[in-house]
Amino acid sequence: MKQRSTTVRALIDPKKKENVSKILRRMGINHSEAINIFYSLIEEYQGFPFDLKLPVNGEKKDLNPDLISHLKHSVKRNYRLGELLAK
């Protein structure tokens, strides 16, 4: 029998979750639907459905420093997790 769904867990900053919840409510969707949309786009594009790139020549205008910090922290944490799982 084919499994209909599975669980995905993520640690999210509480304030960010609250802010996104308000946006999703206005859009008429919940977190699960948003995640399913995102996953479908990743599957369709065979990667993120948008460009993720560092600024050219160290240029940081238009970039939120908190976002850059969060992304760097996530990459380091997930890299360490990958190393542990590979053992």
N, C-alpha and C. Protein backbone atom coordinates (compact mmCIF):
# COMPACT_ATOMS: atom_id res chain seq x y z
N MET A 1 0.83 -1.18 0.00
CA MET A 1 0.00 0.00 0.00
C MET A 1 0.88 1.25 0.00
N LYS A 2 0.59 2.18 -0.88
CA LYS A 2 1.37 3.40 -1.00
C LYS A 2 1.05 4.36 0.16
N GLN A 3 2.10 4.89 0.77
CA GLN A 3 1.93 5.84 1.86
C GLN A 3 1.43 7.17 1.29
N ARG A 4 0.39 7.75 1.90
CA ARG A 4 -0.21 8.99 1.40
C ARG A 4 0.61 10.22 1.77
N SER A 5 1.22 10.21 2.94
CA SER A 5 2.00 11.37 3.36
C SER A 5 3.03 10.96 4.39
N THR A 6 3.96 11.85 4.62
CA THR A 6 5.00 11.64 5.62
C THR A 6 5.22 12.96 6.35
N THR A 7 5.96 12.91 7.41
CA THR A 7 6.19 14.10 8.22
C THR A 7 7.54 14.72 7.90
N VAL A 8 7.56 16.03 7.80
CA VAL A 8 8.79 16.80 7.65
C VAL A 8 8.86 17.72 8.86
N ARG A 9 9.99 17.71 9.55
CA ARG A 9 10.16 18.57 10.73
C ARG A 9 11.22 19.61 10.43
N ALA A 10 10.99 20.80 10.93
CA ALA A 10 11.97 21.88 10.74
C ALA A 10 11.97 22.78 11.96
N LEU A 11 13.15 23.25 12.33
CA LEU A 11 13.26 24.23 13.40
C LEU A 11 13.18 25.61 12.78
N ILE A 12 12.22 26.40 13.24
CA ILE A 12 11.97 27.72 12.69
C ILE A 12 11.95 28.74 13.82
N ASP A 13 12.55 29.89 13.58
CA ASP A 13 12.48 30.97 14.54
C ASP A 13 11.00 31.29 14.81
N PRO A 14 10.59 31.35 16.09
CA PRO A 14 9.17 31.57 16.41
C PRO A 14 8.58 32.84 15.80
N LYS A 15 9.34 33.92 15.79
CA LYS A 15 8.84 35.18 15.23
C LYS A 15 8.64 35.04 13.72
N LYS A 16 9.58 34.37 13.06
CA LYS A 16 9.46 34.16 11.61
C LYS A 16 8.23 33.31 11.31
N LYS A 17 8.01 32.26 12.11
CA LYS A 17 6.83 31.39 11.91
C LYS A 17 5.55 32.20 12.07
N GLU A 18 5.51 33.05 13.09
CA GLU A 18 4.33 33.89 13.33
C GLU A 18 4.08 34.82 12.14
N ASN A 19 5.14 35.47 11.66
CA ASN A 19 5.01 36.37 10.51
C ASN A 19 4.54 35.63 9.27
N VAL A 20 5.13 34.46 9.01
CA VAL A 20 4.75 33.68 7.83
C VAL A 20 3.32 33.15 7.98
N SER A 21 2.93 32.77 9.19
CA SER A 21 1.56 32.29 9.42
C SER A 21 0.54 33.34 9.01
N LYS A 22 0.81 34.59 9.33
CA LYS A 22 -0.11 35.68 8.95
C LYS A 22 -0.21 35.81 7.44
N ILE A 23 0.93 35.71 6.76
CA ILE A 23 0.93 35.80 5.30
C ILE A 23 0.18 34.63 4.69
N LEU A 24 0.46 33.41 5.18
CA LEU A 24 -0.20 32.22 4.64
C LEU A 24 -1.71 32.26 4.86
N ARG A 25 -2.13 32.76 6.03
CA ARG A 25 -3.58 32.88 6.30
C ARG A 25 -4.24 33.80 5.27
N ARG A 26 -3.56 34.92 4.96
CA ARG A 26 -4.11 35.85 3.96
C ARG A 26 -4.17 35.19 2.58
N MET A 27 -3.24 34.26 2.33
CA MET A 27 -3.23 33.55 1.05
C MET A 27 -4.22 32.38 1.03
N GLY A 28 -4.73 32.03 2.22
CA GLY A 28 -5.70 30.93 2.30
C GLY A 28 -5.07 29.55 2.31
N ILE A 29 -3.80 29.47 2.72
CA ILE A 29 -3.15 28.15 2.81
C ILE A 29 -2.47 28.00 4.17
N ASN A 30 -2.18 26.76 4.52
CA ASN A 30 -1.50 26.49 5.80
C ASN A 30 -0.03 26.13 5.53
N HIS A 31 0.69 25.88 6.61
CA HIS A 31 2.13 25.58 6.48
C HIS A 31 2.37 24.31 5.65
N SER A 32 1.57 23.28 5.87
CA SER A 32 1.75 22.04 5.11
C SER A 32 1.55 22.27 3.62
N GLU A 33 0.55 23.04 3.27
CA GLU A 33 0.32 23.32 1.85
C GLU A 33 1.46 24.14 1.26
N ALA A 34 1.98 25.10 2.02
CA ALA A 34 3.10 25.91 1.54
C ALA A 34 4.34 25.05 1.32
N ILE A 35 4.60 24.15 2.27
CA ILE A 35 5.76 23.26 2.14
C ILE A 35 5.58 22.33 0.95
N ASN A 36 4.37 21.81 0.75
CA ASN A 36 4.11 20.95 -0.41
C ASN A 36 4.32 21.70 -1.72
N ILE A 37 3.91 22.97 -1.77
CA ILE A 37 4.14 23.78 -2.96
C ILE A 37 5.63 23.95 -3.19
N PHE A 38 6.36 24.29 -2.13
CA PHE A 38 7.81 24.48 -2.24
C PHE A 38 8.49 23.20 -2.71
N TYR A 39 8.14 22.07 -2.11
CA TYR A 39 8.74 20.79 -2.51
C TYR A 39 8.41 20.45 -3.97
N SER A 40 7.19 20.74 -4.39
CA SER A 40 6.81 20.47 -5.78
C SER A 40 7.64 21.30 -6.74
N LEU A 41 7.90 22.56 -6.36
CA LEU A 41 8.73 23.42 -7.21
C LEU A 41 10.17 22.93 -7.24
N ILE A 42 10.70 22.50 -6.10
CA ILE A 42 12.06 21.95 -6.07
C ILE A 42 12.15 20.73 -6.98
N GLU A 43 11.13 19.88 -6.91
CA GLU A 43 11.10 18.68 -7.75
C GLU A 43 11.04 19.07 -9.23
N GLU A 44 10.20 20.03 -9.57
CA GLU A 44 10.03 20.47 -10.95
C GLU A 44 11.31 21.10 -11.51
N TYR A 45 11.94 21.95 -10.72
CA TYR A 45 13.14 22.67 -11.16
C TYR A 45 14.42 21.87 -10.94
N GLN A 46 14.31 20.73 -10.22
CA GLN A 46 15.49 19.94 -9.86
C GLN A 46 16.47 20.79 -9.04
N GLY A 47 15.93 21.61 -8.18
CA GLY A 47 16.70 22.51 -7.32
C GLY A 47 15.77 23.59 -6.83
N PHE A 48 16.33 24.60 -6.21
CA PHE A 48 15.50 25.70 -5.74
C PHE A 48 14.84 26.41 -6.92
N PRO A 49 13.62 26.88 -6.74
CA PRO A 49 12.91 27.56 -7.83
C PRO A 49 13.32 29.03 -7.97
N PHE A 50 14.46 29.37 -7.42
CA PHE A 50 14.99 30.73 -7.49
C PHE A 50 16.50 30.64 -7.33
N ASP A 51 17.20 31.68 -7.75
CA ASP A 51 18.66 31.69 -7.65
C ASP A 51 19.10 31.98 -6.23
N LEU A 52 20.05 31.21 -5.75
CA LEU A 52 20.72 31.48 -4.49
C LEU A 52 22.17 31.75 -4.85
N LYS A 53 22.58 32.99 -4.67
CA LYS A 53 23.95 33.30 -5.02
C LYS A 53 24.48 34.39 -4.10
N LEU A 54 25.78 34.39 -3.96
CA LEU A 54 26.45 35.40 -3.15
C LEU A 54 26.60 36.68 -3.96
N PRO A 55 26.69 37.81 -3.27
CA PRO A 55 26.86 39.07 -4.00
C PRO A 55 28.19 39.11 -4.75
N VAL A 56 28.21 39.79 -5.86
CA VAL A 56 29.40 39.93 -6.68
C VAL A 56 30.36 40.91 -6.00
N ASN A 57 31.64 40.56 -5.95
CA ASN A 57 32.68 41.42 -5.39
C ASN A 57 32.38 41.89 -3.97
N GLY A 58 31.76 41.02 -3.19
CA GLY A 58 31.49 41.35 -1.81
C GLY A 58 30.41 42.41 -1.62
N GLU A 59 29.72 42.77 -2.67
CA GLU A 59 28.66 43.78 -2.60
C GLU A 59 27.51 43.25 -1.76
N LYS A 60 27.07 44.00 -0.77
CA LYS A 60 26.02 43.51 0.12
C LYS A 60 24.77 44.37 0.10
N LYS A 61 24.66 45.31 -0.81
CA LYS A 61 23.45 46.11 -0.84
C LYS A 61 22.26 45.22 -1.20
N ASP A 62 21.12 45.52 -0.71
CA ASP A 62 19.88 44.79 -0.93
C ASP A 62 19.84 43.43 -0.24
N LEU A 63 20.86 43.05 0.51
CA LEU A 63 20.85 41.76 1.19
C LEU A 63 20.64 41.98 2.68
N ASN A 64 19.74 41.21 3.25
CA ASN A 64 19.47 41.28 4.68
C ASN A 64 20.57 40.52 5.41
N PRO A 65 21.34 41.20 6.26
CA PRO A 65 22.45 40.53 6.95
C PRO A 65 21.98 39.37 7.83
N ASP A 66 20.78 39.48 8.40
CA ASP A 66 20.25 38.37 9.21
C ASP A 66 20.01 37.14 8.35
N LEU A 67 19.54 37.35 7.13
CA LEU A 67 19.30 36.23 6.22
C LEU A 67 20.61 35.54 5.86
N ILE A 68 21.62 36.33 5.53
CA ILE A 68 22.93 35.77 5.18
C ILE A 68 23.49 34.98 6.36
N SER A 69 23.39 35.53 7.55
CA SER A 69 23.89 34.86 8.76
C SER A 69 23.15 33.54 8.98
N HIS A 70 21.83 33.57 8.83
CA HIS A 70 21.02 32.36 9.00
C HIS A 70 21.40 31.29 7.98
N LEU A 71 21.58 31.69 6.73
CA LEU A 71 21.94 30.73 5.68
C LEU A 71 23.30 30.11 5.95
N LYS A 72 24.27 30.93 6.36
CA LYS A 72 25.60 30.40 6.66
C LYS A 72 25.54 29.42 7.82
N HIS A 73 24.78 29.76 8.86
CA HIS A 73 24.64 28.88 10.02
C HIS A 73 23.98 27.55 9.61
N SER A 74 22.93 27.63 8.78
CA SER A 74 22.23 26.42 8.32
C SER A 74 23.14 25.52 7.52
N VAL A 75 23.96 26.11 6.65
CA VAL A 75 24.87 25.31 5.83
C VAL A 75 25.86 24.59 6.73
N LYS A 76 26.45 25.29 7.69
CA LYS A 76 27.42 24.67 8.60
C LYS A 76 26.77 23.55 9.40
N ARG A 77 25.58 23.79 9.95
CA ARG A 77 24.89 22.79 10.77
C ARG A 77 24.56 21.56 9.94
N ASN A 78 24.04 21.75 8.73
CA ASN A 78 23.66 20.63 7.89
C ASN A 78 24.87 19.88 7.35
N TYR A 79 25.99 20.58 7.14
CA TYR A 79 27.21 19.92 6.73
C TYR A 79 27.71 18.98 7.82
N ARG A 80 27.68 19.47 9.07
CA ARG A 80 28.11 18.64 10.20
C ARG A 80 27.18 17.43 10.34
N LEU A 81 25.89 17.64 10.16
CA LEU A 81 24.93 16.53 10.24
C LEU A 81 25.23 15.51 9.16
N GLY A 82 25.53 15.97 7.95
CA GLY A 82 25.87 15.07 6.85
C GLY A 82 27.12 14.26 7.17
N GLU A 83 28.11 14.89 7.78
CA GLU A 83 29.33 14.17 8.16
C GLU A 83 29.01 13.08 9.18
N LEU A 84 28.17 13.39 10.15
CA LEU A 84 27.80 12.40 11.17
C LEU A 84 27.03 11.23 10.56
N LEU A 85 26.12 11.54 9.64
CA LEU A 85 25.33 10.48 9.01
C LEU A 85 26.18 9.61 8.10
N ALA A 86 27.25 10.15 7.55
CA ALA A 86 28.10 9.39 6.63
C ALA A 86 28.99 8.39 7.36
N LYS A 87 29.14 8.55 8.66
CA LYS A 87 30.01 7.64 9.43
C LYS A 87 29.39 6.28 9.57
